[in-house]
Amino acid sequence: MRGANLTGADFSGAVLRDCNMGPLIISAKRRLPTQLVEAKLRNVDLRGADLAQAVLDRADITGARLDGAKTESASMNGVRDDEADTGAS
């Protein structure tokens, strides 16, 4: 799913464990980030997923499993995460 435009997609309850949603490398200077703007990711299993540079602005990740997910440089402005489980204690 690298570089895919999944704006508004509903993945509620999906298992996307270890899924690669990092940017699609077009050239040495051009990367196309995965777009998950306003996506519904409620209760999604994203453990170990690569979300580096993904755009998750205003996405609903309530109840999502994110432990081990790579989120460096991801845009998460306005994300709803009422019950997100990051694996942190």
PDB file of N, CA and C in Angstrom:
ATOM      1  N   MET A   1       0.814  -1.183   0.000  1.00  0.00           N
ATOM      2  CA  MET A   1       0.000   0.000   0.000  1.00  0.00           C
ATOM      3  C   MET A   1       0.863   1.255   0.000  1.00  0.00           C
ATOM      4  N   ARG A   2       2.101   1.141  -0.314  1.00  0.00           N
ATOM      5  CA  ARG A   2       3.004   2.291  -0.315  1.00  0.00           C
ATOM      6  C   ARG A   2       2.542   3.334  -1.312  1.00  0.00           C
ATOM      7  N   GLY A   3       2.383   4.580  -0.825  1.00  0.00           N
ATOM      8  CA  GLY A   3       2.027   5.687  -1.692  1.00  0.00           C
ATOM      9  C   GLY A   3       0.572   5.724  -2.126  1.00  0.00           C
ATOM     10  N   ALA A   4      -0.264   4.845  -1.597  1.00  0.00           N
ATOM     11  CA  ALA A   4      -1.673   4.787  -2.007  1.00  0.00           C
ATOM     12  C   ALA A   4      -2.465   5.955  -1.442  1.00  0.00           C
ATOM     13  N   ASN A   5      -3.490   6.387  -2.168  1.00  0.00           N
ATOM     14  CA  ASN A   5      -4.406   7.411  -1.675  1.00  0.00           C
ATOM     15  C   ASN A   5      -5.617   6.687  -1.103  1.00  0.00           C
ATOM     16  N   LEU A   6      -5.660   6.593   0.222  1.00  0.00           N
ATOM     17  CA  LEU A   6      -6.727   5.885   0.919  1.00  0.00           C
ATOM     18  C   LEU A   6      -7.561   6.859   1.746  1.00  0.00           C
ATOM     19  N   THR A   7      -7.661   8.085   1.278  1.00  0.00           N
ATOM     20  CA  THR A   7      -8.405   9.123   1.973  1.00  0.00           C
ATOM     21  C   THR A   7      -9.840   8.678   2.199  1.00  0.00           C
ATOM     22  N   GLY A   8     -10.290   8.734   3.450  1.00  0.00           N
ATOM     23  CA  GLY A   8     -11.659   8.389   3.801  1.00  0.00           C
ATOM     24  C   GLY A   8     -11.972   6.901   3.791  1.00  0.00           C
ATOM     25  N   ALA A   9     -10.985   6.055   3.575  1.00  0.00           N
ATOM     26  CA  ALA A   9     -11.222   4.603   3.531  1.00  0.00           C
ATOM     27  C   ALA A   9     -11.665   4.086   4.902  1.00  0.00           C
ATOM     28  N   ASP A  10     -12.462   3.023   4.908  1.00  0.00           N
ATOM     29  CA  ASP A  10     -12.932   2.417   6.154  1.00  0.00           C
ATOM     30  C   ASP A  10     -12.283   1.048   6.310  1.00  0.00           C
ATOM     31  N   PHE A  11     -11.301   0.985   7.210  1.00  0.00           N
ATOM     32  CA  PHE A  11     -10.598  -0.262   7.496  1.00  0.00           C
ATOM     33  C   PHE A  11     -10.987  -0.804   8.867  1.00  0.00           C
ATOM     34  N   SER A  12     -12.098  -0.358   9.412  1.00  0.00           N
ATOM     35  CA  SER A  12     -12.504  -0.743  10.761  1.00  0.00           C
ATOM     36  C   SER A  12     -12.400  -2.250  10.964  1.00  0.00           C
ATOM     37  N   GLY A  13     -11.649  -2.657  11.998  1.00  0.00           N
ATOM     38  CA  GLY A  13     -11.501  -4.064  12.349  1.00  0.00           C
ATOM     39  C   GLY A  13     -10.529  -4.852  11.500  1.00  0.00           C
ATOM     40  N   ALA A  14      -9.875  -4.224  10.538  1.00  0.00           N
ATOM     41  CA  ALA A  14      -8.952  -4.936   9.642  1.00  0.00           C
ATOM     42  C   ALA A  14      -7.654  -5.314  10.350  1.00  0.00           C
ATOM     43  N   VAL A  15      -7.015  -6.354   9.855  1.00  0.00           N
ATOM     44  CA  VAL A  15      -5.691  -6.745  10.337  1.00  0.00           C
ATOM     45  C   VAL A  15      -4.686  -6.300   9.275  1.00  0.00           C
ATOM     46  N   LEU A  16      -3.922  -5.266   9.600  1.00  0.00           N
ATOM     47  CA  LEU A  16      -2.918  -4.732   8.685  1.00  0.00           C
ATOM     48  C   LEU A  16      -1.545  -4.847   9.323  1.00  0.00           C
ATOM     49  N   ARG A  17      -1.374  -5.899  10.085  1.00  0.00           N
ATOM     50  CA  ARG A  17      -0.133  -6.121  10.827  1.00  0.00           C
ATOM     51  C   ARG A  17       1.051  -6.233   9.864  1.00  0.00           C
ATOM     52  N   ASP A  18       2.136  -5.513  10.180  1.00  0.00           N
ATOM     53  CA  ASP A  18       3.366  -5.493   9.389  1.00  0.00           C
ATOM     54  C   ASP A  18       3.156  -4.964   7.974  1.00  0.00           C
ATOM     55  N   CYS A  19       2.066  -4.268   7.721  1.00  0.00           N
ATOM     56  CA  CYS A  19       1.777  -3.692   6.409  1.00  0.00           C
ATOM     57  C   CYS A  19       2.716  -2.527   6.131  1.00  0.00           C
ATOM     58  N   ASN A  20       3.188  -2.407   4.902  1.00  0.00           N
ATOM     59  CA  ASN A  20       4.083  -1.317   4.533  1.00  0.00           C
ATOM     60  C   ASN A  20       3.272  -0.177   3.937  1.00  0.00           C
ATOM     61  N   MET A  21       3.095   0.875   4.735  1.00  0.00           N
ATOM     62  CA  MET A  21       2.400   2.072   4.271  1.00  0.00           C
ATOM     63  C   MET A  21       3.358   3.252   4.232  1.00  0.00           C
ATOM     64  N   GLY A  22       4.639   2.954   4.123  1.00  0.00           N
ATOM     65  CA  GLY A  22       5.638   4.004   3.998  1.00  0.00           C
ATOM     66  C   GLY A  22       5.506   4.664   2.635  1.00  0.00           C
ATOM     67  N   PRO A  23       6.316   5.664   2.388  1.00  0.00           N
ATOM     68  CA  PRO A  23       6.195   6.379   1.112  1.00  0.00           C
ATOM     69  C   PRO A  23       6.654   5.543  -0.077  1.00  0.00           C
ATOM     70  N   LEU A  24       6.035   5.788  -1.217  1.00  0.00           N
ATOM     71  CA  LEU A  24       6.461   5.165  -2.464  1.00  0.00           C
ATOM     72  C   LEU A  24       7.575   6.033  -3.022  1.00  0.00           C
ATOM     73  N   ILE A  25       8.738   5.446  -3.243  1.00  0.00           N
ATOM     74  CA  ILE A  25       9.883   6.199  -3.733  1.00  0.00           C
ATOM     75  C   ILE A  25       9.811   6.270  -5.254  1.00  0.00           C
ATOM     76  N   ILE A  26       9.588   7.488  -5.746  1.00  0.00           N
ATOM     77  CA  ILE A  26       9.469   7.726  -7.184  1.00  0.00           C
ATOM     78  C   ILE A  26      10.859   7.921  -7.781  1.00  0.00           C
ATOM     79  N   SER A  27      11.675   8.707  -7.094  1.00  0.00           N
ATOM     80  CA  SER A  27      13.056   8.962  -7.513  1.00  0.00           C
ATOM     81  C   SER A  27      13.851   9.318  -6.266  1.00  0.00           C
ATOM     82  N   ALA A  28      15.114   9.599  -6.429  1.00  0.00           N
ATOM     83  CA  ALA A  28      15.958   9.926  -5.285  1.00  0.00           C
ATOM     84  C   ALA A  28      15.442  11.135  -4.504  1.00  0.00           C
ATOM     85  N   LYS A  29      14.753  12.035  -5.183  1.00  0.00           N
ATOM     86  CA  LYS A  29      14.274  13.249  -4.527  1.00  0.00           C
ATOM     87  C   LYS A  29      12.757  13.294  -4.356  1.00  0.00           C
ATOM     88  N   ARG A  30      12.044  12.316  -4.849  1.00  0.00           N
ATOM     89  CA  ARG A  30      10.581  12.372  -4.805  1.00  0.00           C
ATOM     90  C   ARG A  30       9.998  11.139  -4.125  1.00  0.00           C
ATOM     91  N   ARG A  31       9.203  11.393  -3.081  1.00  0.00           N
ATOM     92  CA  ARG A  31       8.527  10.319  -2.359  1.00  0.00           C
ATOM     93  C   ARG A  31       7.035  10.632  -2.300  1.00  0.00           C
ATOM     94  N   LEU A  32       6.221   9.648  -2.505  1.00  0.00           N
ATOM     95  CA  LEU A  32       4.773   9.822  -2.470  1.00  0.00           C
ATOM     96  C   LEU A  32       4.253   9.181  -1.188  1.00  0.00           C
ATOM     97  N   PRO A  33       3.829   9.990  -0.194  1.00  0.00           N
ATOM     98  CA  PRO A  33       3.362   9.418   1.070  1.00  0.00           C
ATOM     99  C   PRO A  33       1.990   8.765   0.930  1.00  0.00           C
ATOM    100  N   THR A  34       1.736   7.769   1.747  1.00  0.00           N
ATOM    101  CA  THR A  34       0.429   7.134   1.784  1.00  0.00           C
ATOM    102  C   THR A  34      -0.555   8.101   2.436  1.00  0.00           C
ATOM    103  N   GLN A  35      -1.702   8.305   1.806  1.00  0.00           N
ATOM    104  CA  GLN A  35      -2.724   9.235   2.294  1.00  0.00           C
ATOM    105  C   GLN A  35      -3.819   8.462   3.025  1.00  0.00           C
ATOM    106  N   LEU A  36      -3.940   8.710   4.323  1.00  0.00           N
ATOM    107  CA  LEU A  36      -4.991   8.099   5.138  1.00  0.00           C
ATOM    108  C   LEU A  36      -5.799   9.186   5.843  1.00  0.00           C
ATOM    109  N   VAL A  37      -5.965  10.324   5.181  1.00  0.00           N
ATOM    110  CA  VAL A  37      -6.699  11.450   5.743  1.00  0.00           C
ATOM    111  C   VAL A  37      -8.147  11.033   5.995  1.00  0.00           C
ATOM    112  N   GLU A  38      -8.623  11.277   7.210  1.00  0.00           N
ATOM    113  CA  GLU A  38      -9.990  10.961   7.632  1.00  0.00           C
ATOM    114  C   GLU A  38     -10.350   9.482   7.463  1.00  0.00           C
ATOM    115  N   ALA A  39      -9.356   8.616   7.415  1.00  0.00           N
ATOM    116  CA  ALA A  39      -9.622   7.175   7.304  1.00  0.00           C
ATOM    117  C   ALA A  39     -10.189   6.645   8.621  1.00  0.00           C
ATOM    118  N   LYS A  40     -11.019   5.640   8.522  1.00  0.00           N
ATOM    119  CA  LYS A  40     -11.567   4.979   9.702  1.00  0.00           C
ATOM    120  C   LYS A  40     -10.705   3.746   9.985  1.00  0.00           C
ATOM    121  N   LEU A  41      -9.917   3.843  11.037  1.00  0.00           N
ATOM    122  CA  LEU A  41      -8.995   2.762  11.405  1.00  0.00           C
ATOM    123  C   LEU A  41      -9.339   2.239  12.791  1.00  0.00           C
ATOM    124  N   ARG A  42     -10.629   2.233  13.130  1.00  0.00           N
ATOM    125  CA  ARG A  42     -11.080   1.774  14.447  1.00  0.00           C
ATOM    126  C   ARG A  42     -10.783   0.291  14.624  1.00  0.00           C
ATOM    127  N   ASN A  43     -10.138  -0.017  15.760  1.00  0.00           N
ATOM    128  CA  ASN A  43      -9.826  -1.406  16.127  1.00  0.00           C
ATOM    129  C   ASN A  43      -8.971  -2.130  15.098  1.00  0.00           C
ATOM    130  N   VAL A  44      -8.191  -1.391  14.327  1.00  0.00           N
ATOM    131  CA  VAL A  44      -7.314  -1.985  13.312  1.00  0.00           C
ATOM    132  C   VAL A  44      -6.023  -2.457  13.975  1.00  0.00           C
ATOM    133  N   ASP A  45      -5.540  -3.613  13.571  1.00  0.00           N
ATOM    134  CA  ASP A  45      -4.270  -4.149  14.065  1.00  0.00           C
ATOM    135  C   ASP A  45      -3.156  -3.630  13.163  1.00  0.00           C
ATOM    136  N   LEU A  46      -2.426  -2.623  13.643  1.00  0.00           N
ATOM    137  CA  LEU A  46      -1.325  -2.015  12.887  1.00  0.00           C
ATOM    138  C   LEU A  46       0.020  -2.317  13.553  1.00  0.00           C
ATOM    139  N   ARG A  47       0.069  -3.369  14.364  1.00  0.00           N
ATOM    140  CA  ARG A  47       1.327  -3.705  15.038  1.00  0.00           C
ATOM    141  C   ARG A  47       2.413  -3.996  14.009  1.00  0.00           C
ATOM    142  N   GLY A  48       3.539  -3.283  14.158  1.00  0.00           N
ATOM    143  CA  GLY A  48       4.674  -3.486  13.265  1.00  0.00           C
ATOM    144  C   GLY A  48       4.517  -2.866  11.892  1.00  0.00           C
ATOM    145  N   ALA A  49       3.417  -2.151  11.642  1.00  0.00           N
ATOM    146  CA  ALA A  49       3.202  -1.542  10.330  1.00  0.00           C
ATOM    147  C   ALA A  49       4.163  -0.372  10.112  1.00  0.00           C
ATOM    148  N   ASP A  50       4.541  -0.143   8.879  1.00  0.00           N
ATOM    149  CA  ASP A  50       5.391   0.986   8.524  1.00  0.00           C
ATOM    150  C   ASP A  50       4.493   2.134   8.086  1.00  0.00           C
ATOM    151  N   LEU A  51       4.331   3.132   8.968  1.00  0.00           N
ATOM    152  CA  LEU A  51       3.514   4.304   8.682  1.00  0.00           C
ATOM    153  C   LEU A  51       4.385   5.550   8.531  1.00  0.00           C
ATOM    154  N   ALA A  52       5.685   5.337   8.314  1.00  0.00           N
ATOM    155  CA  ALA A  52       6.616   6.457   8.184  1.00  0.00           C
ATOM    156  C   ALA A  52       6.164   7.389   7.067  1.00  0.00           C
ATOM    157  N   GLN A  53       6.063   8.645   7.364  1.00  0.00           N
ATOM    158  CA  GLN A  53       5.677   9.713   6.444  1.00  0.00           C
ATOM    159  C   GLN A  53       4.238   9.612   5.948  1.00  0.00           C
ATOM    160  N   ALA A  54       3.446   8.694   6.481  1.00  0.00           N
ATOM    161  CA  ALA A  54       2.038   8.595   6.083  1.00  0.00           C
ATOM    162  C   ALA A  54       1.278   9.815   6.595  1.00  0.00           C
ATOM    163  N   VAL A  55       0.206  10.176   5.906  1.00  0.00           N
ATOM    164  CA  VAL A  55      -0.621  11.306   6.313  1.00  0.00           C
ATOM    165  C   VAL A  55      -1.916  10.745   6.893  1.00  0.00           C
ATOM    166  N   LEU A  56      -2.026  10.811   8.231  1.00  0.00           N
ATOM    167  CA  LEU A  56      -3.189  10.275   8.942  1.00  0.00           C
ATOM    168  C   LEU A  56      -4.033  11.392   9.555  1.00  0.00           C
ATOM    169  N   ASP A  57      -3.973  12.568   8.994  1.00  0.00           N
ATOM    170  CA  ASP A  57      -4.695  13.709   9.550  1.00  0.00           C
ATOM    171  C   ASP A  57      -6.186  13.410   9.680  1.00  0.00           C
ATOM    172  N   ARG A  58      -6.722  13.703  10.867  1.00  0.00           N
ATOM    173  CA  ARG A  58      -8.135  13.523  11.214  1.00  0.00           C
ATOM    174  C   ARG A  58      -8.622  12.080  11.099  1.00  0.00           C
ATOM    175  N   ALA A  59      -7.718  11.108  11.066  1.00  0.00           N
ATOM    176  CA  ALA A  59      -8.116   9.690  11.024  1.00  0.00           C
ATOM    177  C   ALA A  59      -8.633   9.261  12.399  1.00  0.00           C
ATOM    178  N   ASP A  60      -9.509   8.286  12.417  1.00  0.00           N
ATOM    179  CA  ASP A  60     -10.045   7.732  13.669  1.00  0.00           C
ATOM    180  C   ASP A  60      -9.331   6.416  13.949  1.00  0.00           C
ATOM    181  N   ILE A  61      -8.433   6.431  14.934  1.00  0.00           N
ATOM    182  CA  ILE A  61      -7.684   5.213  15.281  1.00  0.00           C
ATOM    183  C   ILE A  61      -8.116   4.674  16.647  1.00  0.00           C
ATOM    184  N   THR A  62      -9.361   4.965  17.030  1.00  0.00           N
ATOM    185  CA  THR A  62      -9.893   4.494  18.299  1.00  0.00           C
ATOM    186  C   THR A  62      -9.774   2.973  18.396  1.00  0.00           C
ATOM    187  N   GLY A  63      -9.119   2.495  19.443  1.00  0.00           N
ATOM    188  CA  GLY A  63      -8.974   1.059  19.677  1.00  0.00           C
ATOM    189  C   GLY A  63      -7.930   0.375  18.819  1.00  0.00           C
ATOM    190  N   ALA A  64      -7.212   1.124  17.991  1.00  0.00           N
ATOM    191  CA  ALA A  64      -6.202   0.525  17.098  1.00  0.00           C
ATOM    192  C   ALA A  64      -5.003   0.022  17.898  1.00  0.00           C
ATOM    193  N   ARG A  65      -4.388  -1.061  17.425  1.00  0.00           N
ATOM    194  CA  ARG A  65      -3.155  -1.596  18.016  1.00  0.00           C
ATOM    195  C   ARG A  65      -1.985  -1.044  17.227  1.00  0.00           C
ATOM    196  N   LEU A  66      -1.157  -0.232  17.883  1.00  0.00           N
ATOM    197  CA  LEU A  66      -0.048   0.440  17.211  1.00  0.00           C
ATOM    198  C   LEU A  66       1.314   0.057  17.763  1.00  0.00           C
ATOM    199  N   ASP A  67       1.381  -0.909  18.688  1.00  0.00           N
ATOM    200  CA  ASP A  67       2.679  -1.242  19.275  1.00  0.00           C
ATOM    201  C   ASP A  67       3.623  -1.757  18.190  1.00  0.00           C
ATOM    202  N   GLY A  68       4.810  -1.171  18.168  1.00  0.00           N
ATOM    203  CA  GLY A  68       5.821  -1.553  17.193  1.00  0.00           C
ATOM    204  C   GLY A  68       5.653  -0.899  15.835  1.00  0.00           C
ATOM    205  N   ALA A  69       4.601  -0.085  15.656  1.00  0.00           N
ATOM    206  CA  ALA A  69       4.393   0.593  14.369  1.00  0.00           C
ATOM    207  C   ALA A  69       5.430   1.703  14.212  1.00  0.00           C
ATOM    208  N   LYS A  70       5.901   1.890  12.988  1.00  0.00           N
ATOM    209  CA  LYS A  70       6.869   2.944  12.688  1.00  0.00           C
ATOM    210  C   LYS A  70       6.088   4.181  12.265  1.00  0.00           C
ATOM    211  N   THR A  71       6.105   5.214  13.114  1.00  0.00           N
ATOM    212  CA  THR A  71       5.327   6.416  12.830  1.00  0.00           C
ATOM    213  C   THR A  71       6.192   7.668  12.695  1.00  0.00           C
ATOM    214  N   GLU A  72       7.513   7.504  12.597  1.00  0.00           N
ATOM    215  CA  GLU A  72       8.369   8.678  12.477  1.00  0.00           C
ATOM    216  C   GLU A  72       8.017   9.465  11.217  1.00  0.00           C
ATOM    217  N   SER A  73       7.949  10.758  11.387  1.00  0.00           N
ATOM    218  CA  SER A  73       7.628  11.701  10.310  1.00  0.00           C
ATOM    219  C   SER A  73       6.200  11.559   9.782  1.00  0.00           C
ATOM    220  N   ALA A  74       5.359  10.765  10.436  1.00  0.00           N
ATOM    221  CA  ALA A  74       3.953  10.658  10.007  1.00  0.00           C
ATOM    222  C   ALA A  74       3.212  11.919  10.439  1.00  0.00           C
ATOM    223  N   SER A  75       2.284  12.372   9.622  1.00  0.00           N
ATOM    224  CA  SER A  75       1.446  13.515   9.969  1.00  0.00           C
ATOM    225  C   SER A  75       0.181  12.980  10.626  1.00  0.00           C
ATOM    226  N   MET A  76      -0.042  13.377  11.873  1.00  0.00           N
ATOM    227  CA  MET A  76      -1.188  12.863  12.628  1.00  0.00           C
ATOM    228  C   MET A  76      -1.978  14.015  13.249  1.00  0.00           C
ATOM    229  N   ASN A  77      -2.156  15.089  12.504  1.00  0.00           N
ATOM    230  CA  ASN A  77      -2.895  16.246  13.002  1.00  0.00           C
ATOM    231  C   ASN A  77      -4.373  15.918  13.167  1.00  0.00           C
ATOM    232  N   GLY A  78      -4.901  16.184  14.355  1.00  0.00           N
ATOM    233  CA  GLY A  78      -6.325  15.988  14.611  1.00  0.00           C
ATOM    234  C   GLY A  78      -6.767  14.538  14.654  1.00  0.00           C
ATOM    235  N   VAL A  79      -5.831  13.601  14.873  1.00  0.00           N
ATOM    236  CA  VAL A  79      -6.174  12.181  14.929  1.00  0.00           C
ATOM    237  C   VAL A  79      -7.038  11.905  16.155  1.00  0.00           C
ATOM    238  N   ARG A  80      -8.074  11.119  15.977  1.00  0.00           N
ATOM    239  CA  ARG A  80      -8.920  10.698  17.092  1.00  0.00           C
ATOM    240  C   ARG A  80      -8.396   9.354  17.572  1.00  0.00           C
ATOM    241  N   ASP A  81      -7.961   9.335  18.835  1.00  0.00           N
ATOM    242  CA  ASP A  81      -7.385   8.104  19.375  1.00  0.00           C
ATOM    243  C   ASP A  81      -7.880   7.849  20.794  1.00  0.00           C
ATOM    244  N   ASP A  82      -9.191   7.894  20.964  1.00  0.00           N
ATOM    245  CA  ASP A  82      -9.810   7.754  22.286  1.00  0.00           C
ATOM    246  C   ASP A  82      -9.309   6.548  23.056  1.00  0.00           C
ATOM    247  N   GLU A  83      -9.056   5.441  22.382  1.00  0.00           N
ATOM    248  CA  GLU A  83      -8.672   4.212  23.063  1.00  0.00           C
ATOM    249  C   GLU A  83      -7.505   3.507  22.400  1.00  0.00           C
ATOM    250  N   ALA A  84      -6.681   4.199  21.645  1.00  0.00           N
ATOM    251  CA  ALA A  84      -5.576   3.556  20.918  1.00  0.00           C
ATOM    252  C   ALA A  84      -4.631   2.868  21.894  1.00  0.00           C
ATOM    253  N   ASP A  85      -4.179   1.681  21.529  1.00  0.00           N
ATOM    254  CA  ASP A  85      -3.263   0.897  22.346  1.00  0.00           C
ATOM    255  C   ASP A  85      -1.891   0.919  21.671  1.00  0.00           C
ATOM    256  N   THR A  86      -0.981   1.670  22.269  1.00  0.00           N
ATOM    257  CA  THR A  86       0.366   1.787  21.702  1.00  0.00           C
ATOM    258  C   THR A  86       1.322   0.766  22.294  1.00  0.00           C
ATOM    259  N   GLY A  87       0.835  -0.047  23.215  1.00  0.00           N
ATOM    260  CA  GLY A  87       1.694  -1.054  23.835  1.00  0.00           C
ATOM    261  C   GLY A  87       2.519  -0.494  24.968  1.00  0.00           C
ATOM    262  N   ALA A  88       2.427   0.808  25.206  1.00  0.00           N
ATOM    263  CA  ALA A  88       3.178   1.436  26.302  1.00  0.00           C
ATOM    264  C   ALA A  88       2.443   1.196  27.624  1.00  0.00           C
ATOM    265  N   SER A  89       3.217   1.024  28.664  1.00  0.00           N
ATOM    266  CA  SER A  89       2.612   0.814  29.998  1.00  0.00           C
ATOM    267  C   SER A  89       2.688   2.055  30.830  1.00  0.00           C
TER     268      SER A  89
END
